[in-house]
Amino acid sequence: MSERQYWLMKSEPDAYSIDDLERDGQIRWSGIRNYEARNTMRDDMNIGDRALFYHSNVKPPAIVGVMEVCSEPYPDPLQFDPDSKYFDEKSSESDPRWQLVDVKFIQKFDTPVTRDELKKHDDLLEMQLFKRNRLSITEVRESEYKKILKLAEGN
């Protein structure tokens, strides 16, 4: 088995929040329509990888919890549903464009770690979150992941 990797995955809380994931337990991380993010899920993520759940497009944006990748990548079924806003007429079941992974709830932080809080720590300023702000899935170094968990615990 490969070494565990760490990710940051964004969702707007009015679309799907950490509370929704806690309630549901496990979901498909569907609706990704960016090729780089798709490639990350398809090519780089492995079962057992951990991901920081980031609430975006909200004030303040913040890391609100942790989830775990719990499936191999597979085609996003929404790309085939003409009633879905994620429908892709150029995609077919024999040649799907969009992939996803399933994720499961691990932890909700008592205190979210805001973007502004992250910026106060020199060892977090190189995070892909800041360099690739528009990307919905970014890699996180293990040291960054551990530091964020400590911040969430109030340390």
N, C-alpha and C. Protein backbone atom coordinates (compact mmCIF):
# COMPACT_ATOMS: atom_id res chain seq x y z
N MET A 1 0.84 -1.19 0.00
CA MET A 1 0.00 0.00 0.00
C MET A 1 0.88 1.24 0.00
N SER A 2 0.42 2.26 -0.68
CA SER A 2 1.20 3.49 -0.75
C SER A 2 1.04 4.28 0.54
N GLU A 3 1.95 5.21 0.75
CA GLU A 3 1.91 6.06 1.93
C GLU A 3 0.70 6.98 1.86
N ARG A 4 0.09 7.22 3.00
CA ARG A 4 -1.09 8.09 3.05
C ARG A 4 -0.73 9.49 2.55
N GLN A 5 -1.63 10.03 1.75
CA GLN A 5 -1.48 11.40 1.27
C GLN A 5 -2.58 12.25 1.88
N TYR A 6 -2.41 13.57 1.75
CA TYR A 6 -3.34 14.51 2.36
C TYR A 6 -3.79 15.52 1.32
N TRP A 7 -5.04 15.93 1.46
CA TRP A 7 -5.68 16.81 0.48
C TRP A 7 -6.52 17.85 1.20
N LEU A 8 -6.87 18.89 0.47
CA LEU A 8 -7.87 19.85 0.92
C LEU A 8 -8.94 19.86 -0.16
N MET A 9 -10.19 19.65 0.24
CA MET A 9 -11.30 19.58 -0.71
C MET A 9 -12.34 20.62 -0.30
N LYS A 10 -12.70 21.45 -1.26
CA LYS A 10 -13.60 22.58 -0.99
C LYS A 10 -15.04 22.25 -1.34
N SER A 11 -15.93 22.78 -0.53
CA SER A 11 -17.36 22.74 -0.82
C SER A 11 -18.00 23.99 -0.23
N GLU A 12 -18.94 24.54 -0.96
CA GLU A 12 -19.70 25.66 -0.41
C GLU A 12 -20.71 25.08 0.58
N PRO A 13 -20.74 25.58 1.81
CA PRO A 13 -21.59 24.96 2.83
C PRO A 13 -23.07 24.96 2.50
N ASP A 14 -23.53 25.92 1.67
CA ASP A 14 -24.95 25.88 1.30
C ASP A 14 -25.23 24.79 0.25
N ALA A 15 -24.18 24.29 -0.40
CA ALA A 15 -24.34 23.18 -1.35
C ALA A 15 -24.17 21.84 -0.63
N TYR A 16 -23.10 21.72 0.16
CA TYR A 16 -22.85 20.52 0.96
C TYR A 16 -21.85 20.89 2.05
N SER A 17 -22.24 20.70 3.30
CA SER A 17 -21.43 21.14 4.43
C SER A 17 -20.87 19.95 5.21
N ILE A 18 -19.98 20.26 6.14
CA ILE A 18 -19.46 19.22 7.03
C ILE A 18 -20.58 18.60 7.85
N ASP A 19 -21.60 19.39 8.20
CA ASP A 19 -22.74 18.83 8.93
C ASP A 19 -23.50 17.83 8.07
N ASP A 20 -23.61 18.11 6.77
CA ASP A 20 -24.25 17.16 5.86
C ASP A 20 -23.45 15.86 5.81
N LEU A 21 -22.13 15.97 5.72
CA LEU A 21 -21.30 14.77 5.67
C LEU A 21 -21.38 13.99 6.98
N GLU A 22 -21.40 14.70 8.09
CA GLU A 22 -21.53 14.01 9.38
C GLU A 22 -22.85 13.24 9.43
N ARG A 23 -23.91 13.85 8.95
CA ARG A 23 -25.22 13.19 8.91
C ARG A 23 -25.22 11.99 7.97
N ASP A 24 -24.65 12.18 6.77
CA ASP A 24 -24.69 11.14 5.74
C ASP A 24 -23.65 10.04 5.97
N GLY A 25 -22.56 10.38 6.61
CA GLY A 25 -21.53 9.39 6.90
C GLY A 25 -20.54 9.20 5.76
N GLN A 26 -21.08 8.99 4.57
CA GLN A 26 -20.24 8.75 3.39
C GLN A 26 -21.00 9.23 2.16
N ILE A 27 -20.26 9.84 1.22
CA ILE A 27 -20.89 10.34 -0.01
C ILE A 27 -19.94 10.22 -1.19
N ARG A 28 -20.52 10.37 -2.37
CA ARG A 28 -19.72 10.57 -3.57
C ARG A 28 -19.30 12.03 -3.61
N TRP A 29 -18.03 12.32 -3.88
CA TRP A 29 -17.57 13.71 -4.03
C TRP A 29 -17.81 14.08 -5.49
N SER A 30 -19.05 14.37 -5.82
CA SER A 30 -19.46 14.52 -7.22
C SER A 30 -19.51 15.98 -7.64
N GLY A 31 -19.67 16.16 -8.95
CA GLY A 31 -19.85 17.49 -9.50
C GLY A 31 -18.57 18.23 -9.81
N ILE A 32 -17.43 17.58 -9.68
CA ILE A 32 -16.16 18.24 -10.01
C ILE A 32 -16.07 18.35 -11.53
N ARG A 33 -15.92 19.57 -12.02
CA ARG A 33 -15.85 19.80 -13.47
C ARG A 33 -14.62 20.63 -13.83
N ASN A 34 -13.54 20.30 -13.18
CA ASN A 34 -12.24 20.90 -13.46
C ASN A 34 -11.29 19.73 -13.73
N TYR A 35 -10.61 19.78 -14.86
CA TYR A 35 -9.78 18.64 -15.26
C TYR A 35 -8.66 18.35 -14.27
N GLU A 36 -8.03 19.38 -13.72
CA GLU A 36 -6.94 19.13 -12.79
C GLU A 36 -7.45 18.46 -11.52
N ALA A 37 -8.58 18.93 -11.00
CA ALA A 37 -9.16 18.31 -9.81
C ALA A 37 -9.60 16.87 -10.12
N ARG A 38 -10.19 16.67 -11.29
CA ARG A 38 -10.58 15.32 -11.71
C ARG A 38 -9.36 14.41 -11.77
N ASN A 39 -8.28 14.90 -12.36
CA ASN A 39 -7.07 14.09 -12.49
C ASN A 39 -6.51 13.73 -11.12
N THR A 40 -6.60 14.65 -10.18
CA THR A 40 -6.13 14.37 -8.81
C THR A 40 -6.93 13.21 -8.24
N MET A 41 -8.25 13.26 -8.35
CA MET A 41 -9.06 12.17 -7.81
C MET A 41 -8.77 10.87 -8.56
N ARG A 42 -8.65 10.95 -9.87
CA ARG A 42 -8.48 9.76 -10.70
C ARG A 42 -7.09 9.14 -10.55
N ASP A 43 -6.06 9.98 -10.50
CA ASP A 43 -4.70 9.48 -10.61
C ASP A 43 -3.91 9.46 -9.30
N ASP A 44 -4.28 10.31 -8.35
CA ASP A 44 -3.43 10.50 -7.18
C ASP A 44 -4.03 10.05 -5.86
N MET A 45 -5.35 10.10 -5.73
CA MET A 45 -5.97 9.74 -4.46
C MET A 45 -6.04 8.23 -4.30
N ASN A 46 -5.88 7.81 -3.05
CA ASN A 46 -5.96 6.40 -2.71
C ASN A 46 -6.87 6.21 -1.51
N ILE A 47 -7.44 5.03 -1.41
CA ILE A 47 -8.24 4.69 -0.23
C ILE A 47 -7.38 4.88 1.01
N GLY A 48 -7.92 5.57 1.99
CA GLY A 48 -7.20 5.83 3.24
C GLY A 48 -6.56 7.20 3.30
N ASP A 49 -6.46 7.88 2.16
CA ASP A 49 -5.96 9.26 2.19
C ASP A 49 -6.91 10.12 3.02
N ARG A 50 -6.37 11.13 3.67
CA ARG A 50 -7.18 12.05 4.45
C ARG A 50 -7.33 13.37 3.70
N ALA A 51 -8.48 13.99 3.90
CA ALA A 51 -8.76 15.27 3.25
C ALA A 51 -9.35 16.23 4.27
N LEU A 52 -8.84 17.44 4.24
CA LEU A 52 -9.41 18.53 5.04
C LEU A 52 -10.63 19.05 4.32
N PHE A 53 -11.73 19.18 5.01
CA PHE A 53 -12.98 19.69 4.44
C PHE A 53 -12.99 21.20 4.63
N TYR A 54 -13.03 21.92 3.51
CA TYR A 54 -12.91 23.37 3.52
C TYR A 54 -14.22 23.99 3.05
N HIS A 55 -14.81 24.82 3.89
CA HIS A 55 -16.00 25.58 3.49
C HIS A 55 -15.54 26.82 2.73
N SER A 56 -15.90 26.88 1.45
CA SER A 56 -15.50 28.00 0.59
C SER A 56 -16.70 28.89 0.30
N ASN A 57 -16.41 30.03 -0.27
CA ASN A 57 -17.44 30.99 -0.67
C ASN A 57 -18.38 31.34 0.49
N VAL A 58 -17.77 31.51 1.64
CA VAL A 58 -18.49 31.87 2.86
C VAL A 58 -17.53 32.75 3.68
N LYS A 59 -18.10 33.56 4.54
CA LYS A 59 -17.24 34.42 5.37
C LYS A 59 -17.33 33.97 6.82
N PRO A 60 -16.22 33.60 7.44
CA PRO A 60 -14.91 33.44 6.82
C PRO A 60 -14.77 32.03 6.24
N PRO A 61 -14.03 31.89 5.13
CA PRO A 61 -13.74 30.55 4.63
C PRO A 61 -12.86 29.83 5.67
N ALA A 62 -13.10 28.52 5.83
CA ALA A 62 -12.40 27.81 6.90
C ALA A 62 -12.34 26.31 6.65
N ILE A 63 -11.33 25.70 7.23
CA ILE A 63 -11.25 24.24 7.30
C ILE A 63 -12.10 23.83 8.49
N VAL A 64 -13.06 22.95 8.25
CA VAL A 64 -14.05 22.65 9.28
C VAL A 64 -14.02 21.20 9.76
N GLY A 65 -13.21 20.36 9.12
CA GLY A 65 -13.15 18.98 9.55
C GLY A 65 -12.28 18.12 8.66
N VAL A 66 -12.39 16.82 8.89
CA VAL A 66 -11.56 15.83 8.19
C VAL A 66 -12.45 14.73 7.65
N MET A 67 -12.10 14.27 6.44
CA MET A 67 -12.76 13.12 5.84
C MET A 67 -11.70 12.20 5.26
N GLU A 68 -12.13 11.02 4.86
CA GLU A 68 -11.20 10.02 4.35
C GLU A 68 -11.68 9.51 3.00
N VAL A 69 -10.76 9.37 2.06
CA VAL A 69 -11.08 8.76 0.77
C VAL A 69 -11.37 7.28 1.03
N CYS A 70 -12.52 6.79 0.57
CA CYS A 70 -12.91 5.41 0.89
C CYS A 70 -13.33 4.61 -0.34
N SER A 71 -12.94 5.06 -1.54
CA SER A 71 -13.19 4.25 -2.74
C SER A 71 -12.11 4.54 -3.77
N GLU A 72 -12.00 3.62 -4.69
CA GLU A 72 -11.21 3.87 -5.89
C GLU A 72 -11.99 4.88 -6.73
N PRO A 73 -11.33 5.59 -7.64
CA PRO A 73 -12.08 6.50 -8.51
C PRO A 73 -13.00 5.73 -9.45
N TYR A 74 -14.14 6.37 -9.77
CA TYR A 74 -15.08 5.79 -10.73
C TYR A 74 -15.86 6.92 -11.38
N PRO A 75 -16.53 6.63 -12.50
CA PRO A 75 -17.23 7.70 -13.23
C PRO A 75 -18.32 8.37 -12.39
N ASP A 76 -18.35 9.69 -12.44
CA ASP A 76 -19.39 10.47 -11.78
C ASP A 76 -20.71 10.24 -12.52
N PRO A 77 -21.70 9.62 -11.88
CA PRO A 77 -22.95 9.33 -12.58
C PRO A 77 -23.73 10.58 -13.02
N LEU A 78 -23.47 11.72 -12.37
CA LEU A 78 -24.21 12.93 -12.73
C LEU A 78 -23.90 13.40 -14.15
N GLN A 79 -22.75 13.02 -14.69
CA GLN A 79 -22.40 13.44 -16.04
C GLN A 79 -23.32 12.82 -17.09
N PHE A 80 -24.00 11.73 -16.72
CA PHE A 80 -24.89 11.03 -17.66
C PHE A 80 -26.36 11.40 -17.48
N ASP A 81 -26.66 12.22 -16.45
CA ASP A 81 -28.05 12.56 -16.11
C ASP A 81 -28.43 13.90 -16.74
N PRO A 82 -29.29 13.86 -17.78
CA PRO A 82 -29.64 15.11 -18.45
C PRO A 82 -30.36 16.12 -17.55
N ASP A 83 -30.90 15.67 -16.42
CA ASP A 83 -31.57 16.57 -15.50
C ASP A 83 -30.63 17.21 -14.48
N SER A 84 -29.37 16.78 -14.48
CA SER A 84 -28.39 17.29 -13.52
C SER A 84 -27.67 18.51 -14.09
N LYS A 85 -27.35 19.46 -13.20
CA LYS A 85 -26.55 20.61 -13.66
C LYS A 85 -25.13 20.18 -14.00
N TYR A 86 -24.76 18.95 -13.64
CA TYR A 86 -23.43 18.43 -13.95
C TYR A 86 -23.43 17.51 -15.18
N PHE A 87 -24.55 17.48 -15.90
CA PHE A 87 -24.64 16.70 -17.12
C PHE A 87 -23.60 17.17 -18.14
N ASP A 88 -22.98 16.21 -18.82
CA ASP A 88 -21.99 16.53 -19.86
C ASP A 88 -22.35 15.73 -21.10
N GLU A 89 -22.91 16.41 -22.07
CA GLU A 89 -23.37 15.73 -23.28
C GLU A 89 -22.23 15.10 -24.07
N LYS A 90 -21.00 15.55 -23.85
CA LYS A 90 -19.85 14.99 -24.57
C LYS A 90 -19.28 13.75 -23.88
N SER A 91 -19.79 13.43 -22.72
CA SER A 91 -19.32 12.27 -21.98
C SER A 91 -20.24 11.08 -22.26
N SER A 92 -19.65 9.90 -22.28
CA SER A 92 -20.45 8.69 -22.49
C SER A 92 -20.03 7.63 -21.49
N GLU A 93 -20.90 6.66 -21.29
CA GLU A 93 -20.58 5.59 -20.34
C GLU A 93 -19.37 4.80 -20.81
N SER A 94 -19.17 4.70 -22.12
CA SER A 94 -18.00 3.98 -22.63
C SER A 94 -16.73 4.82 -22.57
N ASP A 95 -16.87 6.14 -22.49
CA ASP A 95 -15.73 7.05 -22.40
C ASP A 95 -16.08 8.22 -21.49
N PRO A 96 -16.19 7.96 -20.17
CA PRO A 96 -16.58 9.02 -19.24
C PRO A 96 -15.48 10.04 -19.06
N ARG A 97 -15.88 11.32 -18.99
CA ARG A 97 -14.91 12.40 -18.77
C ARG A 97 -14.61 12.63 -17.30
N TRP A 98 -15.61 12.44 -16.46
CA TRP A 98 -15.53 12.90 -15.07
C TRP A 98 -15.50 11.74 -14.09
N GLN A 99 -14.55 11.81 -13.18
CA GLN A 99 -14.36 10.78 -12.16
C GLN A 99 -14.60 11.38 -10.79
N LEU A 100 -14.84 10.50 -9.83
CA LEU A 100 -14.99 10.94 -8.45
C LEU A 100 -14.49 9.86 -7.53
N VAL A 101 -14.39 10.19 -6.26
CA VAL A 101 -14.13 9.22 -5.20
C VAL A 101 -15.20 9.38 -4.14
N ASP A 102 -15.40 8.34 -3.36
CA ASP A 102 -16.26 8.44 -2.19
C ASP A 102 -15.41 8.90 -1.01
N VAL A 103 -16.02 9.68 -0.14
CA VAL A 103 -15.36 10.13 1.08
C VAL A 103 -16.27 9.83 2.26
N LYS A 104 -15.64 9.60 3.42
CA LYS A 104 -16.42 9.36 4.63
C LYS A 104 -16.00 10.33 5.72
N PHE A 105 -16.96 10.64 6.56
CA PHE A 105 -16.76 11.57 7.67
C PHE A 105 -15.78 10.97 8.67
N ILE A 106 -14.85 11.80 9.12
CA ILE A 106 -13.93 11.42 10.20
C ILE A 106 -14.13 12.31 11.42
N GLN A 107 -14.14 13.64 11.20
CA GLN A 107 -14.16 14.56 12.33
C GLN A 107 -14.65 15.93 11.90
N LYS A 108 -15.44 16.54 12.77
CA LYS A 108 -15.79 17.96 12.62
C LYS A 108 -15.04 18.71 13.70
N PHE A 109 -14.39 19.81 13.30
CA PHE A 109 -13.63 20.60 14.27
C PHE A 109 -14.59 21.40 15.15
N ASP A 110 -14.30 21.43 16.45
CA ASP A 110 -15.08 22.28 17.36
C ASP A 110 -14.88 23.74 16.98
N THR A 111 -13.66 24.08 16.60
CA THR A 111 -13.33 25.43 16.18
C THR A 111 -12.76 25.37 14.77
N PRO A 112 -13.49 25.88 13.77
CA PRO A 112 -12.95 25.90 12.41
C PRO A 112 -11.64 26.68 12.35
N VAL A 113 -10.77 26.27 11.43
CA VAL A 113 -9.49 26.95 11.22
C VAL A 113 -9.68 27.84 9.98
N THR A 114 -9.79 29.13 10.23
CA THR A 114 -10.10 30.06 9.14
C THR A 114 -8.88 30.28 8.25
N ARG A 115 -9.17 30.72 7.06
CA ARG A 115 -8.12 31.08 6.11
C ARG A 115 -7.18 32.14 6.72
N ASP A 116 -7.75 33.12 7.39
CA ASP A 116 -6.93 34.16 8.03
C ASP A 116 -6.03 33.57 9.11
N GLU A 117 -6.54 32.59 9.86
CA GLU A 117 -5.73 31.93 10.88
C GLU A 117 -4.57 31.18 10.23
N LEU A 118 -4.83 30.50 9.13
CA LEU A 118 -3.77 29.78 8.42
C LEU A 118 -2.64 30.73 8.02
N LYS A 119 -3.02 31.92 7.57
CA LYS A 119 -2.03 32.89 7.08
C LYS A 119 -1.15 33.45 8.18
N LYS A 120 -1.52 33.25 9.45
CA LYS A 120 -0.71 33.74 10.57
C LYS A 120 0.49 32.84 10.85
N HIS A 121 0.56 31.68 10.17
CA HIS A 121 1.60 30.70 10.47
C HIS A 121 2.52 30.56 9.26
N ASP A 122 3.78 30.95 9.45
CA ASP A 122 4.75 30.94 8.35
C ASP A 122 4.86 29.57 7.70
N ASP A 123 4.74 28.50 8.50
CA ASP A 123 4.90 27.16 7.95
C ASP A 123 3.68 26.70 7.14
N LEU A 124 2.65 27.53 7.06
CA LEU A 124 1.47 27.19 6.26
C LEU A 124 1.32 28.11 5.03
N LEU A 125 2.17 29.11 4.92
CA LEU A 125 2.02 30.08 3.83
C LEU A 125 2.30 29.50 2.45
N GLU A 126 2.98 28.37 2.39
CA GLU A 126 3.27 27.74 1.10
C GLU A 126 2.20 26.73 0.69
N MET A 127 1.12 26.66 1.44
CA MET A 127 0.06 25.71 1.10
C MET A 127 -0.47 25.97 -0.31
N GLN A 128 -0.82 24.88 -0.99
CA GLN A 128 -1.41 24.99 -2.32
C GLN A 128 -2.71 25.80 -2.28
N LEU A 129 -3.40 25.78 -1.16
CA LEU A 129 -4.61 26.59 -1.00
C LEU A 129 -4.37 28.04 -1.38
N PHE A 130 -3.21 28.55 -1.02
CA PHE A 130 -2.90 29.95 -1.31
C PHE A 130 -2.32 30.15 -2.70
N LYS A 131 -1.65 29.16 -3.21
CA LYS A 131 -1.02 29.27 -4.52
C LYS A 131 -1.98 28.92 -5.66
N ARG A 132 -2.92 28.04 -5.38
CA ARG A 132 -3.87 27.56 -6.39
C ARG A 132 -5.29 27.78 -5.88
N ASN A 133 -5.59 28.99 -5.51
CA ASN A 133 -6.82 29.34 -4.81
C ASN A 133 -8.10 28.90 -5.53
N ARG A 134 -8.09 28.90 -6.86
CA ARG A 134 -9.30 28.58 -7.61
C ARG A 134 -9.58 27.08 -7.70
N LEU A 135 -8.58 26.27 -7.38
CA LEU A 135 -8.72 24.83 -7.51
C LEU A 135 -9.49 24.24 -6.33
N SER A 136 -10.44 23.35 -6.60
CA SER A 136 -11.30 22.82 -5.54
C SER A 136 -10.67 21.66 -4.76
N ILE A 137 -9.60 21.08 -5.30
CA ILE A 137 -8.88 20.02 -4.59
C ILE A 137 -7.40 20.33 -4.72
N THR A 138 -6.73 20.43 -3.57
CA THR A 138 -5.30 20.69 -3.59
C THR A 138 -4.59 19.73 -2.65
N GLU A 139 -3.33 19.50 -2.96
CA GLU A 139 -2.51 18.64 -2.11
C GLU A 139 -2.11 19.40 -0.85
N VAL A 140 -1.96 18.66 0.25
CA VAL A 140 -1.53 19.21 1.53
C VAL A 140 -0.36 18.36 2.00
N ARG A 141 0.73 19.01 2.41
CA ARG A 141 1.85 18.26 2.97
C ARG A 141 1.47 17.69 4.33
N GLU A 142 2.08 16.57 4.69
CA GLU A 142 1.78 15.95 5.98
C GLU A 142 2.03 16.91 7.13
N SER A 143 3.11 17.68 7.06
CA SER A 143 3.41 18.64 8.13
C SER A 143 2.32 19.71 8.23
N GLU A 144 1.79 20.15 7.09
CA GLU A 144 0.70 21.14 7.09
C GLU A 144 -0.57 20.53 7.70
N TYR A 145 -0.86 19.30 7.32
CA TYR A 145 -2.03 18.60 7.84
C TYR A 145 -1.96 18.51 9.37
N LYS A 146 -0.81 18.07 9.88
CA LYS A 146 -0.66 17.91 11.33
C LYS A 146 -0.76 19.25 12.05
N LYS A 147 -0.20 20.28 11.47
CA LYS A 147 -0.26 21.62 12.06
C LYS A 147 -1.73 22.10 12.13
N ILE A 148 -2.47 21.86 11.07
CA ILE A 148 -3.88 22.28 11.05
C ILE A 148 -4.69 21.53 12.09
N LEU A 149 -4.41 20.25 12.27
CA LEU A 149 -5.10 19.50 13.32
C LEU A 149 -4.80 20.10 14.69
N LYS A 150 -3.56 20.51 14.92
CA LYS A 150 -3.21 21.15 16.20
C LYS A 150 -3.93 22.47 16.36
N LEU A 151 -4.00 23.26 15.28
CA LEU A 151 -4.73 24.52 15.35
C LEU A 151 -6.20 24.29 15.67
N ALA A 152 -6.78 23.25 15.11
CA ALA A 152 -8.19 22.94 15.35
C ALA A 152 -8.42 22.54 16.81
N GLU A 153 -7.40 21.98 17.43
CA GLU A 153 -7.49 21.58 18.83
C GLU A 153 -7.19 22.75 19.77
N GLY A 154 -6.82 23.90 19.18
CA GLY A 154 -6.52 25.08 19.99
C GLY A 154 -5.08 25.18 20.43
N ASN A 155 -4.19 24.44 19.78
CA ASN A 155 -2.75 24.46 20.14
C ASN A 155 -1.97 25.36 19.21
